[in-house]
């Protein structure tokens, strides 16, 4: 029996190749997310199907990167395993959550231990008449500059002090 054609040998080679390709695929996805977050752009479009002419900013930017980089092109979209494309909405949300945590940690590091800060909270209704609470952190950084950072928007059931406090926690 030829060992090179054995099913375990083939599966082992595919697993090794998948481990090699994964960091490239992940870094390409993170580069797209970093770009979109820095620009304040939306990730998805209403139609991300194969036959759509505009699949949304994330997928279009990833396609752009793949077009201009052969290393990325070889590991994304059709060249990636079905369960490891890193393009699903859940994966994108997870990656954005990690980016938000890292951004918050960077802000906390910038504030330092002896800094002055304040939290600004404001609420308003969106177009669908849902109450939203916006949170902004103002602080004096280690260079004694006043910095304002938008932290996020939370949907709140109503505008009582108790529900706003629960949304922050």
N, C-alpha and C. Protein backbone atom coordinates (compact mmCIF):
# COMPACT_ATOMS: atom_id res chain seq x y z
N UNK A 1 0.84 -1.19 0.00
CA UNK A 1 0.00 0.00 0.00
C UNK A 1 0.88 1.26 0.00
N UNK A 2 0.56 2.21 -0.84
CA UNK A 2 1.32 3.44 -0.96
C UNK A 2 0.95 4.39 0.17
N UNK A 3 1.91 4.73 1.03
CA UNK A 3 1.65 5.60 2.18
C UNK A 3 1.25 7.01 1.77
N UNK A 4 1.75 7.49 0.62
CA UNK A 4 1.42 8.85 0.17
C UNK A 4 -0.04 8.98 -0.24
N UNK A 5 -0.70 7.87 -0.55
CA UNK A 5 -2.10 7.91 -0.95
C UNK A 5 -3.03 7.50 0.19
N UNK A 6 -2.50 7.19 1.34
CA UNK A 6 -3.32 6.78 2.48
C UNK A 6 -4.15 7.96 2.96
N UNK A 7 -5.39 7.70 3.38
CA UNK A 7 -6.32 8.76 3.77
C UNK A 7 -5.79 9.58 4.95
N UNK A 8 -5.12 8.95 5.89
CA UNK A 8 -4.56 9.69 7.02
C UNK A 8 -3.47 10.65 6.57
N UNK A 9 -2.65 10.23 5.64
CA UNK A 9 -1.58 11.09 5.13
C UNK A 9 -2.16 12.30 4.42
N UNK A 10 -3.18 12.09 3.60
CA UNK A 10 -3.82 13.20 2.88
C UNK A 10 -4.50 14.16 3.85
N UNK A 11 -5.22 13.62 4.84
CA UNK A 11 -5.90 14.47 5.83
C UNK A 11 -4.88 15.26 6.64
N UNK A 12 -3.75 14.62 6.99
CA UNK A 12 -2.72 15.30 7.76
C UNK A 12 -2.11 16.45 6.94
N UNK A 13 -1.87 16.26 5.66
CA UNK A 13 -1.34 17.30 4.79
C UNK A 13 -2.31 18.48 4.67
N UNK A 14 -3.61 18.16 4.55
CA UNK A 14 -4.61 19.23 4.45
C UNK A 14 -4.68 20.02 5.75
N UNK A 15 -4.60 19.34 6.89
CA UNK A 15 -4.63 20.01 8.19
C UNK A 15 -3.41 20.92 8.34
N UNK A 16 -2.24 20.42 7.94
CA UNK A 16 -1.03 21.25 8.01
C UNK A 16 -1.16 22.48 7.12
N UNK A 17 -1.69 22.32 5.92
CA UNK A 17 -1.86 23.46 5.02
C UNK A 17 -2.87 24.46 5.58
N UNK A 18 -3.90 23.96 6.22
CA UNK A 18 -4.91 24.82 6.82
C UNK A 18 -4.29 25.64 7.95
N UNK A 19 -3.41 25.05 8.73
CA UNK A 19 -2.73 25.77 9.81
C UNK A 19 -1.80 26.84 9.26
N UNK A 20 -1.22 26.59 8.11
CA UNK A 20 -0.33 27.58 7.48
C UNK A 20 -1.16 28.73 6.91
N UNK A 21 -2.30 28.43 6.31
CA UNK A 21 -3.13 29.44 5.65
C UNK A 21 -3.91 30.31 6.64
N UNK A 22 -4.25 29.77 7.80
CA UNK A 22 -5.13 30.47 8.73
C UNK A 22 -4.61 31.85 9.14
N UNK A 23 -3.33 32.00 9.55
CA UNK A 23 -2.87 33.35 9.93
C UNK A 23 -3.01 34.38 8.81
N UNK A 24 -2.75 33.98 7.58
CA UNK A 24 -2.90 34.91 6.45
C UNK A 24 -4.35 35.33 6.29
N UNK A 25 -5.26 34.36 6.38
CA UNK A 25 -6.68 34.64 6.25
C UNK A 25 -7.16 35.54 7.39
N UNK A 26 -6.73 35.23 8.61
CA UNK A 26 -7.13 36.02 9.78
C UNK A 26 -6.58 37.43 9.69
N UNK A 27 -5.31 37.59 9.32
CA UNK A 27 -4.73 38.93 9.21
C UNK A 27 -5.40 39.75 8.11
N UNK A 28 -5.78 39.12 7.01
CA UNK A 28 -6.49 39.84 5.95
C UNK A 28 -7.84 40.32 6.47
N UNK A 29 -8.56 39.47 7.21
CA UNK A 29 -9.85 39.87 7.78
C UNK A 29 -9.67 40.99 8.79
N UNK A 30 -8.64 40.89 9.62
CA UNK A 30 -8.39 41.94 10.62
C UNK A 30 -7.97 43.25 9.95
N UNK A 31 -7.22 43.17 8.87
CA UNK A 31 -6.86 44.39 8.13
C UNK A 31 -8.11 45.09 7.59
N UNK A 32 -9.04 44.30 7.06
CA UNK A 32 -10.30 44.87 6.56
C UNK A 32 -11.08 45.51 7.70
N UNK A 33 -11.18 44.82 8.81
CA UNK A 33 -11.91 45.35 9.96
C UNK A 33 -11.25 46.61 10.48
N UNK A 34 -9.94 46.61 10.57
CA UNK A 34 -9.20 47.79 11.03
C UNK A 34 -9.48 48.98 10.13
N UNK A 35 -9.44 48.77 8.83
CA UNK A 35 -9.70 49.85 7.88
C UNK A 35 -11.13 50.39 8.05
N UNK A 36 -12.11 49.49 8.11
CA UNK A 36 -13.50 49.94 8.21
C UNK A 36 -13.77 50.65 9.52
N UNK A 37 -13.20 50.16 10.62
CA UNK A 37 -13.40 50.82 11.90
C UNK A 37 -12.75 52.21 11.93
N UNK A 38 -11.56 52.31 11.37
CA UNK A 38 -10.87 53.61 11.34
C UNK A 38 -11.64 54.63 10.50
N UNK A 39 -12.30 54.15 9.44
CA UNK A 39 -13.05 55.04 8.56
C UNK A 39 -14.49 55.24 9.02
N UNK A 40 -14.93 54.48 10.01
CA UNK A 40 -16.31 54.59 10.48
C UNK A 40 -17.31 54.10 9.46
N UNK A 41 -16.95 53.08 8.70
CA UNK A 41 -17.81 52.56 7.64
C UNK A 41 -18.59 51.33 8.09
N UNK A 42 -19.75 51.14 7.50
CA UNK A 42 -20.55 49.95 7.77
C UNK A 42 -19.87 48.73 7.18
N UNK A 43 -20.11 47.57 7.76
CA UNK A 43 -19.48 46.34 7.30
C UNK A 43 -20.27 45.65 6.21
N UNK A 44 -21.57 45.56 6.42
CA UNK A 44 -22.38 44.71 5.55
C UNK A 44 -23.31 45.54 4.69
N UNK A 45 -23.73 44.90 3.61
CA UNK A 45 -24.75 45.46 2.74
C UNK A 45 -26.00 44.61 2.92
N UNK A 46 -27.09 45.00 2.35
CA UNK A 46 -28.32 44.23 2.51
C UNK A 46 -28.28 42.91 1.73
N UNK A 47 -27.37 42.78 0.79
CA UNK A 47 -27.30 41.56 -0.02
C UNK A 47 -25.84 41.15 -0.18
N UNK A 48 -25.41 40.12 0.57
CA UNK A 48 -24.05 39.61 0.49
C UNK A 48 -23.97 38.30 -0.29
N UNK A 49 -24.97 38.03 -1.12
CA UNK A 49 -25.00 36.77 -1.86
C UNK A 49 -23.95 36.78 -2.96
N UNK A 50 -23.70 35.59 -3.52
CA UNK A 50 -22.68 35.43 -4.57
C UNK A 50 -22.96 36.28 -5.81
N UNK A 51 -24.23 36.44 -6.17
CA UNK A 51 -24.55 37.17 -7.39
C UNK A 51 -24.79 38.66 -7.17
N UNK A 52 -24.56 39.14 -5.97
CA UNK A 52 -24.75 40.56 -5.67
C UNK A 52 -23.62 41.39 -6.30
N UNK A 53 -23.96 42.56 -6.79
CA UNK A 53 -22.94 43.44 -7.37
C UNK A 53 -22.19 44.22 -6.29
N UNK A 54 -22.78 44.36 -5.11
CA UNK A 54 -22.13 45.03 -3.98
C UNK A 54 -22.38 44.21 -2.73
N UNK A 55 -21.38 43.52 -2.26
CA UNK A 55 -21.53 42.61 -1.12
C UNK A 55 -21.27 43.29 0.22
N UNK A 56 -21.09 44.57 0.23
CA UNK A 56 -20.80 45.28 1.48
C UNK A 56 -19.32 45.61 1.58
N UNK A 57 -19.00 46.55 2.45
CA UNK A 57 -17.64 47.07 2.55
C UNK A 57 -16.63 46.01 2.95
N UNK A 58 -16.97 45.16 3.92
CA UNK A 58 -16.01 44.16 4.38
C UNK A 58 -15.63 43.20 3.26
N UNK A 59 -16.62 42.57 2.63
CA UNK A 59 -16.33 41.59 1.59
C UNK A 59 -15.69 42.24 0.36
N UNK A 60 -16.12 43.44 0.02
CA UNK A 60 -15.54 44.12 -1.14
C UNK A 60 -14.08 44.51 -0.85
N UNK A 61 -13.80 44.94 0.38
CA UNK A 61 -12.42 45.30 0.73
C UNK A 61 -11.54 44.05 0.76
N UNK A 62 -12.07 42.95 1.28
CA UNK A 62 -11.32 41.69 1.28
C UNK A 62 -11.05 41.23 -0.15
N UNK A 63 -12.04 41.41 -1.02
CA UNK A 63 -11.85 41.06 -2.43
C UNK A 63 -10.77 41.94 -3.06
N UNK A 64 -10.75 43.22 -2.70
CA UNK A 64 -9.73 44.14 -3.19
C UNK A 64 -8.34 43.69 -2.73
N UNK A 65 -8.21 43.34 -1.44
CA UNK A 65 -6.92 42.86 -0.94
C UNK A 65 -6.48 41.60 -1.66
N UNK A 66 -7.41 40.68 -1.88
CA UNK A 66 -7.09 39.43 -2.56
C UNK A 66 -6.65 39.69 -4.01
N UNK A 67 -7.28 40.64 -4.65
CA UNK A 67 -6.94 40.97 -6.03
C UNK A 67 -5.51 41.50 -6.15
N UNK A 68 -5.07 42.24 -5.12
CA UNK A 68 -3.76 42.87 -5.15
C UNK A 68 -2.68 42.10 -4.41
N UNK A 69 -3.02 40.96 -3.80
CA UNK A 69 -2.04 40.19 -3.05
C UNK A 69 -2.27 38.71 -3.31
N UNK A 70 -1.33 38.07 -3.99
CA UNK A 70 -1.50 36.66 -4.35
C UNK A 70 -1.53 35.76 -3.12
N UNK A 71 -0.80 36.12 -2.07
CA UNK A 71 -0.81 35.32 -0.85
C UNK A 71 -2.18 35.29 -0.21
N UNK A 72 -2.85 36.42 -0.20
CA UNK A 72 -4.21 36.49 0.36
C UNK A 72 -5.19 35.80 -0.58
N UNK A 73 -5.02 36.03 -1.87
CA UNK A 73 -5.94 35.44 -2.85
C UNK A 73 -5.96 33.91 -2.75
N UNK A 74 -4.83 33.32 -2.41
CA UNK A 74 -4.75 31.87 -2.33
C UNK A 74 -5.42 31.25 -1.12
N UNK A 75 -5.84 32.08 -0.14
CA UNK A 75 -6.40 31.52 1.10
C UNK A 75 -7.80 32.03 1.45
N UNK A 76 -8.37 32.93 0.63
CA UNK A 76 -9.70 33.46 0.97
C UNK A 76 -10.75 33.02 -0.04
N UNK A 77 -11.99 33.25 0.32
CA UNK A 77 -13.17 32.96 -0.49
C UNK A 77 -13.19 31.50 -0.94
N UNK A 78 -13.14 31.23 -2.22
CA UNK A 78 -13.28 29.86 -2.71
C UNK A 78 -12.06 28.99 -2.38
N UNK A 79 -10.96 29.61 -2.05
CA UNK A 79 -9.75 28.86 -1.70
C UNK A 79 -9.69 28.50 -0.22
N UNK A 80 -10.68 28.91 0.55
CA UNK A 80 -10.73 28.60 1.98
C UNK A 80 -11.72 27.47 2.23
N UNK A 81 -11.48 26.67 3.27
CA UNK A 81 -12.46 25.64 3.62
C UNK A 81 -13.81 26.29 3.97
N UNK A 82 -14.89 25.61 3.70
CA UNK A 82 -16.24 26.15 3.92
C UNK A 82 -16.45 26.65 5.35
N UNK A 83 -15.89 25.93 6.33
CA UNK A 83 -16.12 26.31 7.73
C UNK A 83 -15.02 27.21 8.28
N UNK A 84 -14.18 27.76 7.42
CA UNK A 84 -13.06 28.58 7.89
C UNK A 84 -12.80 29.79 6.99
N UNK A 85 -13.87 30.37 6.45
CA UNK A 85 -13.72 31.52 5.55
C UNK A 85 -13.51 32.82 6.30
N UNK A 86 -13.95 32.89 7.56
CA UNK A 86 -13.86 34.09 8.40
C UNK A 86 -14.64 35.27 7.81
N UNK A 87 -15.74 34.99 7.12
CA UNK A 87 -16.54 36.06 6.52
C UNK A 87 -17.98 36.06 7.01
N UNK A 88 -18.35 35.17 7.91
CA UNK A 88 -19.73 35.12 8.37
C UNK A 88 -20.01 36.31 9.29
N UNK A 89 -21.27 36.72 9.39
CA UNK A 89 -21.61 37.84 10.28
C UNK A 89 -21.20 37.60 11.73
N UNK A 90 -21.33 36.37 12.22
CA UNK A 90 -20.95 36.08 13.60
C UNK A 90 -19.45 36.25 13.81
N UNK A 91 -18.66 35.79 12.88
CA UNK A 91 -17.20 35.94 12.98
C UNK A 91 -16.82 37.41 12.94
N UNK A 92 -17.44 38.17 12.04
CA UNK A 92 -17.14 39.60 11.95
C UNK A 92 -17.50 40.30 13.26
N UNK A 93 -18.64 39.95 13.85
CA UNK A 93 -19.03 40.55 15.12
C UNK A 93 -18.03 40.21 16.21
N UNK A 94 -17.56 38.96 16.24
CA UNK A 94 -16.57 38.56 17.24
C UNK A 94 -15.27 39.34 17.06
N UNK A 95 -14.81 39.50 15.83
CA UNK A 95 -13.58 40.22 15.57
C UNK A 95 -13.72 41.71 15.93
N UNK A 96 -14.88 42.28 15.65
CA UNK A 96 -15.12 43.69 16.02
C UNK A 96 -15.16 43.83 17.54
N UNK A 97 -15.75 42.84 18.22
CA UNK A 97 -15.78 42.87 19.69
C UNK A 97 -14.36 42.85 20.26
N UNK A 98 -13.50 42.02 19.70
CA UNK A 98 -12.11 41.97 20.15
C UNK A 98 -11.42 43.31 19.89
N UNK A 99 -11.68 43.90 18.73
CA UNK A 99 -11.10 45.21 18.42
C UNK A 99 -11.60 46.27 19.41
N UNK A 100 -12.88 46.20 19.79
CA UNK A 100 -13.43 47.15 20.76
C UNK A 100 -12.77 46.97 22.12
N UNK A 101 -12.54 45.74 22.53
CA UNK A 101 -11.87 45.48 23.81
C UNK A 101 -10.44 46.03 23.79
N UNK A 102 -9.73 45.81 22.68
CA UNK A 102 -8.36 46.31 22.57
C UNK A 102 -8.34 47.85 22.56
N UNK A 103 -9.32 48.46 21.90
CA UNK A 103 -9.40 49.91 21.88
C UNK A 103 -9.67 50.45 23.28
N UNK A 104 -10.58 49.81 24.00
CA UNK A 104 -10.88 50.22 25.38
C UNK A 104 -9.64 50.08 26.25
N UNK A 105 -8.89 48.99 26.09
CA UNK A 105 -7.66 48.82 26.87
C UNK A 105 -6.64 49.90 26.53
N UNK A 106 -6.54 50.28 25.25
CA UNK A 106 -5.62 51.34 24.86
C UNK A 106 -6.04 52.68 25.47
N UNK A 107 -7.33 52.94 25.53
CA UNK A 107 -7.83 54.17 26.15
C UNK A 107 -7.51 54.16 27.64
N UNK A 108 -7.74 53.02 28.30
CA UNK A 108 -7.45 52.92 29.73
C UNK A 108 -5.96 53.13 30.00
N UNK A 109 -5.11 52.60 29.13
CA UNK A 109 -3.67 52.80 29.27
C UNK A 109 -3.33 54.28 29.08
N UNK A 110 -3.98 54.94 28.11
CA UNK A 110 -3.74 56.35 27.84
C UNK A 110 -4.19 57.23 29.01
N UNK A 111 -5.27 56.83 29.68
CA UNK A 111 -5.75 57.60 30.82
C UNK A 111 -4.73 57.55 31.96
N UNK A 112 -4.18 56.37 32.20
CA UNK A 112 -3.20 56.22 33.28
C UNK A 112 -3.89 56.12 34.63
N UNK A 113 -3.09 56.09 35.68
CA UNK A 113 -3.62 55.89 37.03
C UNK A 113 -4.06 57.18 37.70
N UNK A 114 -3.43 58.28 37.39
CA UNK A 114 -3.71 59.54 38.09
C UNK A 114 -4.39 60.57 37.21
N UNK A 115 -5.22 60.15 36.29
CA UNK A 115 -5.83 61.07 35.34
C UNK A 115 -7.20 61.53 35.81
N UNK A 116 -7.59 62.68 35.27
CA UNK A 116 -8.93 63.20 35.48
C UNK A 116 -9.78 62.74 34.29
N UNK A 117 -10.99 62.29 34.59
CA UNK A 117 -11.85 61.86 33.49
C UNK A 117 -13.31 62.10 33.86
N UNK A 118 -14.14 62.09 32.86
CA UNK A 118 -15.59 62.17 33.06
C UNK A 118 -16.27 61.31 32.01
N UNK A 119 -17.46 60.88 32.34
CA UNK A 119 -18.25 60.07 31.42
C UNK A 119 -19.47 60.90 31.02
N UNK A 120 -19.66 61.10 29.72
CA UNK A 120 -20.82 61.82 29.21
C UNK A 120 -21.81 60.79 28.67
N UNK A 121 -23.02 60.86 29.14
CA UNK A 121 -24.07 59.95 28.69
C UNK A 121 -25.23 60.79 28.20
N UNK A 122 -25.69 60.50 27.00
CA UNK A 122 -26.83 61.20 26.43
C UNK A 122 -27.73 60.18 25.76
N UNK A 123 -29.02 60.45 25.78
CA UNK A 123 -29.95 59.51 25.14
C UNK A 123 -30.78 60.25 24.12
N UNK A 124 -31.20 59.49 23.13
CA UNK A 124 -32.11 60.01 22.12
C UNK A 124 -32.80 58.84 21.45
N UNK A 125 -33.82 59.14 20.67
CA UNK A 125 -34.52 58.09 19.93
C UNK A 125 -33.96 58.01 18.52
N UNK A 126 -33.87 56.80 18.03
CA UNK A 126 -33.45 56.64 16.64
C UNK A 126 -34.69 56.69 15.74
N UNK A 127 -34.50 56.47 14.46
CA UNK A 127 -35.59 56.58 13.50
C UNK A 127 -36.69 55.54 13.73
N UNK A 128 -36.33 54.42 14.35
CA UNK A 128 -37.33 53.38 14.64
C UNK A 128 -37.96 53.58 16.02
N UNK A 129 -37.77 54.75 16.61
CA UNK A 129 -38.34 55.16 17.89
C UNK A 129 -37.86 54.25 19.03
N UNK A 130 -36.62 53.79 18.95
CA UNK A 130 -36.00 53.06 20.04
C UNK A 130 -35.06 54.01 20.76
N UNK A 131 -35.08 53.92 22.09
CA UNK A 131 -34.20 54.76 22.88
C UNK A 131 -32.77 54.26 22.78
N UNK A 132 -31.84 55.19 22.56
CA UNK A 132 -30.43 54.85 22.50
C UNK A 132 -29.65 55.73 23.46
N UNK A 133 -28.63 55.15 24.05
CA UNK A 133 -27.78 55.89 24.97
C UNK A 133 -26.37 55.93 24.37
N UNK A 134 -25.84 57.12 24.18
CA UNK A 134 -24.48 57.30 23.68
C UNK A 134 -23.56 57.58 24.86
N UNK A 135 -22.38 56.97 24.85
CA UNK A 135 -21.43 57.11 25.95
C UNK A 135 -20.12 57.64 25.38
N UNK A 136 -19.64 58.74 25.99
CA UNK A 136 -18.37 59.36 25.59
C UNK A 136 -17.52 59.51 26.83
N UNK A 137 -16.25 59.19 26.71
CA UNK A 137 -15.30 59.32 27.81
C UNK A 137 -14.39 60.50 27.52
N UNK A 138 -14.33 61.45 28.44
CA UNK A 138 -13.45 62.61 28.33
C UNK A 138 -12.37 62.47 29.41
N UNK A 139 -11.13 62.69 29.04
CA UNK A 139 -10.06 62.55 30.02
C UNK A 139 -8.86 63.40 29.63
N UNK A 140 -7.98 63.57 30.60
CA UNK A 140 -6.70 64.24 30.37
C UNK A 140 -5.66 63.14 30.30
N UNK A 141 -4.98 63.02 29.16
CA UNK A 141 -4.02 61.93 29.00
C UNK A 141 -2.71 62.25 29.69
N UNK A 142 -1.74 61.36 29.54
CA UNK A 142 -0.45 61.53 30.21
C UNK A 142 0.34 62.72 29.68
N UNK A 143 0.00 63.22 28.49
CA UNK A 143 0.64 64.42 27.92
C UNK A 143 -0.12 65.69 28.28
N UNK A 144 -1.08 65.59 29.20
CA UNK A 144 -1.90 66.71 29.68
C UNK A 144 -2.74 67.32 28.57
N UNK A 145 -3.19 66.49 27.65
CA UNK A 145 -4.11 66.93 26.60
C UNK A 145 -5.50 66.39 26.91
N UNK A 146 -6.51 67.21 26.63
CA UNK A 146 -7.89 66.78 26.82
C UNK A 146 -8.29 65.93 25.61
N UNK A 147 -8.80 64.73 25.88
CA UNK A 147 -9.15 63.79 24.82
C UNK A 147 -10.59 63.33 25.03
N UNK A 148 -11.35 63.27 23.96
CA UNK A 148 -12.70 62.72 24.02
C UNK A 148 -12.75 61.48 23.15
N UNK A 149 -13.28 60.39 23.70
CA UNK A 149 -13.39 59.14 22.96
C UNK A 149 -14.82 58.63 23.04
N UNK A 150 -15.38 58.36 21.87
CA UNK A 150 -16.70 57.76 21.78
C UNK A 150 -16.57 56.29 22.17
N UNK A 151 -17.33 55.87 23.17
CA UNK A 151 -17.22 54.50 23.67
C UNK A 151 -18.26 53.59 23.01
N UNK A 152 -19.48 54.08 22.84
CA UNK A 152 -20.47 53.22 22.19
C UNK A 152 -21.89 53.72 22.31
N UNK A 153 -22.77 52.98 21.69
CA UNK A 153 -24.21 53.23 21.74
C UNK A 153 -24.87 51.98 22.26
N UNK A 154 -25.79 52.15 23.20
CA UNK A 154 -26.55 51.02 23.74
C UNK A 154 -28.03 51.32 23.59
N UNK A 155 -28.79 50.31 23.21
CA UNK A 155 -30.25 50.45 23.21
C UNK A 155 -30.73 50.28 24.64
N UNK A 156 -31.65 51.14 25.06
CA UNK A 156 -32.20 51.07 26.41
C UNK A 156 -33.72 50.99 26.31
N UNK A 157 -34.36 50.26 27.24
CA UNK A 157 -35.81 50.11 27.16
C UNK A 157 -36.57 51.41 27.45
N UNK A 158 -36.03 52.23 28.34
CA UNK A 158 -36.62 53.54 28.63
C UNK A 158 -35.54 54.44 29.20
N UNK A 159 -35.90 55.66 29.56
CA UNK A 159 -34.89 56.62 29.97
C UNK A 159 -34.89 56.90 31.46
N UNK A 160 -35.38 55.97 32.25
CA UNK A 160 -35.29 56.14 33.70
C UNK A 160 -33.84 55.95 34.13
N UNK A 161 -33.47 56.55 35.23
CA UNK A 161 -32.10 56.44 35.73
C UNK A 161 -31.71 54.99 35.97
N UNK A 162 -32.66 54.19 36.45
CA UNK A 162 -32.36 52.78 36.73
C UNK A 162 -32.04 52.02 35.45
N UNK A 163 -32.81 52.22 34.38
CA UNK A 163 -32.55 51.48 33.14
C UNK A 163 -31.26 51.97 32.47
N UNK A 164 -30.95 53.25 32.58
CA UNK A 164 -29.68 53.74 32.03
C UNK A 164 -28.49 53.17 32.79
N UNK A 165 -28.61 53.06 34.12
CA UNK A 165 -27.53 52.47 34.91
C UNK A 165 -27.35 51.00 34.54
N UNK A 166 -28.44 50.27 34.34
CA UNK A 166 -28.34 48.86 33.96
C UNK A 166 -27.68 48.70 32.61
N UNK A 167 -27.94 49.63 31.67
CA UNK A 167 -27.34 49.54 30.34
C UNK A 167 -25.82 49.73 30.40
N UNK A 168 -25.37 50.58 31.31
CA UNK A 168 -23.93 50.82 31.45
C UNK A 168 -23.25 49.60 32.07
N UNK A 169 -23.90 49.00 33.04
CA UNK A 169 -23.31 47.83 33.71
C UNK A 169 -23.29 46.71 32.73
